Amino acid sequence: MKEKAMDAMQRFSKAMFIPVLILPIAGILIAIGNVFNNAKLLETFPFLDVPILTGFGSILSGSLVSILTNLGLIFCVGITVGLARKEKAIAGFTALLGYLVFPESVTKI
């Protein structure tokens, strides 16, 4: 019984690994993007006030913020795919459908 519980907890922790791994990477890249748009920094270092760099910073931080706003979806699909033993793609797609349908069905009740 103890081994079965330990095996289940290890499988769940392995499934959590990928969604959790995304968070620090996205956070670091958002911070780098914000550095290129920081008004005080651009005032201090005027050579950074180049449209290409500020545009790159805006695109980098803006696109990665969508990862943080859709964190529930990332965890839903990531954990489901991590826990599936067979047919991981079907499990991930089913989790996506469930995530999209659930809020609509709850608000209608």
C-alpha atoms as a PDB file:
ATOM      1  CA  MET A   1       0.000   0.000   0.000  1.00  0.00           C
ATOM      2  CA  LYS A   2       2.808   2.383   0.936  1.00  0.00           C
ATOM      3  CA  GLU A   3       4.666   1.657  -2.306  1.00  0.00           C
ATOM      4  CA  LYS A   4       1.518   2.263  -4.344  1.00  0.00           C
ATOM      5  CA  ALA A   5       0.987   5.654  -2.697  1.00  0.00           C
ATOM      6  CA  MET A   6       4.634   6.592  -3.196  1.00  0.00           C
ATOM      7  CA  ASP A   7       4.439   5.575  -6.860  1.00  0.00           C
ATOM      8  CA  ALA A   8       1.330   7.713  -7.367  1.00  0.00           C
ATOM      9  CA  MET A   9       2.966  10.731  -5.703  1.00  0.00           C
ATOM     10  CA  GLN A  10       6.125  10.300  -7.799  1.00  0.00           C
ATOM     11  CA  ARG A  11       4.083  10.149 -11.016  1.00  0.00           C
ATOM     12  CA  PHE A  12       2.215  13.315 -10.024  1.00  0.00           C
ATOM     13  CA  SER A  13       5.424  15.168  -9.157  1.00  0.00           C
ATOM     14  CA  LYS A  14       6.938  14.187 -12.519  1.00  0.00           C
ATOM     15  CA  ALA A  15       3.783  15.432 -14.256  1.00  0.00           C
ATOM     16  CA  MET A  16       4.094  18.790 -12.446  1.00  0.00           C
ATOM     17  CA  PHE A  17       7.699  19.216 -13.582  1.00  0.00           C
ATOM     18  CA  ILE A  18       7.069  20.602 -17.090  1.00  0.00           C
ATOM     19  CA  PRO A  19       4.403  23.214 -16.220  1.00  0.00           C
ATOM     20  CA  VAL A  20       6.444  24.417 -13.250  1.00  0.00           C
ATOM     21  CA  LEU A  21       9.603  24.580 -15.380  1.00  0.00           C
ATOM     22  CA  ILE A  22       7.925  27.092 -17.706  1.00  0.00           C
ATOM     23  CA  LEU A  23       7.340  29.651 -14.938  1.00  0.00           C
ATOM     24  CA  PRO A  24      10.909  30.796 -14.164  1.00  0.00           C
ATOM     25  CA  ILE A  25      11.858  30.849 -17.832  1.00  0.00           C
ATOM     26  CA  ALA A  26       8.859  33.035 -18.679  1.00  0.00           C
ATOM     27  CA  GLY A  27       9.529  35.279 -15.679  1.00  0.00           C
ATOM     28  CA  ILE A  28      13.171  35.859 -16.629  1.00  0.00           C
ATOM     29  CA  LEU A  29      12.303  36.623 -20.241  1.00  0.00           C
ATOM     30  CA  ILE A  30       9.532  39.034 -19.190  1.00  0.00           C
ATOM     31  CA  ALA A  31      12.039  40.823 -16.944  1.00  0.00           C
ATOM     32  CA  ILE A  32      14.530  41.076 -19.804  1.00  0.00           C
ATOM     33  CA  GLY A  33      11.809  42.482 -22.044  1.00  0.00           C
ATOM     34  CA  ASN A  34      10.874  45.039 -19.400  1.00  0.00           C
ATOM     35  CA  VAL A  35      14.500  46.155 -19.089  1.00  0.00           C
ATOM     36  CA  PHE A  36      14.435  47.379 -22.689  1.00  0.00           C
ATOM     37  CA  ASN A  37      11.309  49.463 -21.974  1.00  0.00           C
ATOM     38  CA  ASN A  38      12.257  50.898 -18.582  1.00  0.00           C
ATOM     39  CA  ALA A  39      12.096  54.710 -18.831  1.00  0.00           C
ATOM     40  CA  LYS A  40      14.676  55.334 -16.076  1.00  0.00           C
ATOM     41  CA  LEU A  41      17.130  52.890 -17.630  1.00  0.00           C
ATOM     42  CA  LEU A  42      16.702  54.408 -21.082  1.00  0.00           C
ATOM     43  CA  GLU A  43      17.244  57.839 -19.534  1.00  0.00           C
ATOM     44  CA  THR A  44      20.439  56.659 -17.846  1.00  0.00           C
ATOM     45  CA  PHE A  45      21.772  54.757 -20.838  1.00  0.00           C
ATOM     46  CA  PRO A  46      20.598  56.615 -23.955  1.00  0.00           C
ATOM     47  CA  PHE A  47      22.331  54.176 -26.327  1.00  0.00           C
ATOM     48  CA  LEU A  48      19.640  51.623 -25.390  1.00  0.00           C
ATOM     49  CA  ASP A  49      16.893  53.933 -26.672  1.00  0.00           C
ATOM     50  CA  VAL A  50      16.851  52.315 -30.113  1.00  0.00           C
ATOM     51  CA  PRO A  51      13.473  51.456 -31.696  1.00  0.00           C
ATOM     52  CA  ILE A  52      14.625  47.929 -32.490  1.00  0.00           C
ATOM     53  CA  LEU A  53      15.526  47.209 -28.849  1.00  0.00           C
ATOM     54  CA  THR A  54      12.403  48.795 -27.392  1.00  0.00           C
ATOM     55  CA  GLY A  55      10.263  46.966 -29.960  1.00  0.00           C
ATOM     56  CA  PHE A  56      11.996  43.695 -29.125  1.00  0.00           C
ATOM     57  CA  GLY A  57      11.402  44.309 -25.423  1.00  0.00           C
ATOM     58  CA  SER A  58       7.725  45.063 -25.997  1.00  0.00           C
ATOM     59  CA  ILE A  59       7.229  41.937 -28.084  1.00  0.00           C
ATOM     60  CA  LEU A  60       9.164  39.748 -25.643  1.00  0.00           C
ATOM     61  CA  SER A  61       7.372  40.868 -22.494  1.00  0.00           C
ATOM     62  CA  GLY A  62       3.961  41.158 -24.160  1.00  0.00           C
ATOM     63  CA  SER A  63       4.026  37.715 -25.694  1.00  0.00           C
ATOM     64  CA  LEU A  64       5.221  35.984 -22.548  1.00  0.00           C
ATOM     65  CA  VAL A  65       2.624  37.634 -20.333  1.00  0.00           C
ATOM     66  CA  SER A  66       0.089  35.494 -22.195  1.00  0.00           C
ATOM     67  CA  ILE A  67       1.814  32.442 -20.691  1.00  0.00           C
ATOM     68  CA  LEU A  68       1.163  33.756 -17.206  1.00  0.00           C
ATOM     69  CA  THR A  69      -2.436  34.700 -17.965  1.00  0.00           C
ATOM     70  CA  ASN A  70      -3.131  31.194 -19.303  1.00  0.00           C
ATOM     71  CA  LEU A  71      -1.387  29.410 -16.468  1.00  0.00           C
ATOM     72  CA  GLY A  72      -4.443  27.318 -15.604  1.00  0.00           C
ATOM     73  CA  LEU A  73      -4.592  25.955 -19.128  1.00  0.00           C
ATOM     74  CA  ILE A  74      -0.873  25.132 -19.102  1.00  0.00           C
ATOM     75  CA  PHE A  75      -1.196  23.216 -15.835  1.00  0.00           C
ATOM     76  CA  CYS A  76      -4.387  21.456 -16.953  1.00  0.00           C
ATOM     77  CA  VAL A  77      -2.890  20.103 -20.157  1.00  0.00           C
ATOM     78  CA  GLY A  78       0.624  19.581 -18.748  1.00  0.00           C
ATOM     79  CA  ILE A  79      -0.464  17.510 -15.782  1.00  0.00           C
ATOM     80  CA  THR A  80      -2.876  15.461 -17.870  1.00  0.00           C
ATOM     81  CA  VAL A  81      -0.231  14.663 -20.472  1.00  0.00           C
ATOM     82  CA  GLY A  82       2.269  13.873 -17.722  1.00  0.00           C
ATOM     83  CA  LEU A  83      -0.087  11.474 -15.967  1.00  0.00           C
ATOM     84  CA  ALA A  84      -1.299   9.684 -19.106  1.00  0.00           C
ATOM     85  CA  ARG A  85       0.337   6.319 -19.661  1.00  0.00           C
ATOM     86  CA  LYS A  86      -0.905   5.814 -23.214  1.00  0.00           C
ATOM     87  CA  GLU A  87      -2.270   8.137 -25.873  1.00  0.00           C
ATOM     88  CA  LYS A  88      -0.912  11.334 -24.355  1.00  0.00           C
ATOM     89  CA  ALA A  89      -2.167  13.467 -27.242  1.00  0.00           C
ATOM     90  CA  ILE A  90      -5.756  12.343 -26.721  1.00  0.00           C
ATOM     91  CA  ALA A  91      -5.455  12.980 -22.984  1.00  0.00           C
ATOM     92  CA  GLY A  92      -4.093  16.475 -23.598  1.00  0.00           C
ATOM     93  CA  PHE A  93      -6.810  17.315 -26.114  1.00  0.00           C
ATOM     94  CA  THR A  94      -9.515  16.036 -23.765  1.00  0.00           C
ATOM     95  CA  ALA A  95      -8.085  18.146 -20.942  1.00  0.00           C
ATOM     96  CA  LEU A  96      -8.117  21.193 -23.220  1.00  0.00           C
ATOM     97  CA  LEU A  97     -11.754  20.593 -24.129  1.00  0.00           C
ATOM     98  CA  GLY A  98     -12.685  20.108 -20.497  1.00  0.00           C
ATOM     99  CA  TYR A  99     -10.870  23.310 -19.522  1.00  0.00           C
ATOM    100  CA  LEU A 100     -12.683  25.282 -22.221  1.00  0.00           C
ATOM    101  CA  VAL A 101     -16.145  23.812 -21.574  1.00  0.00           C
ATOM    102  CA  PHE A 102     -16.136  23.837 -17.763  1.00  0.00           C
ATOM    103  CA  PRO A 103     -16.333  27.622 -17.135  1.00  0.00           C
ATOM    104  CA  GLU A 104     -19.200  27.985 -19.596  1.00  0.00           C
ATOM    105  CA  SER A 105     -21.197  25.152 -18.044  1.00  0.00           C
ATOM    106  CA  VAL A 106     -20.648  26.431 -14.496  1.00  0.00           C
ATOM    107  CA  THR A 107     -21.873  29.946 -15.292  1.00  0.00           C
ATOM    108  CA  LYS A 108     -25.068  28.595 -16.857  1.00  0.00           C
ATOM    109  CA  ILE A 109     -26.087  26.679 -13.713  1.00  0.00           C
END
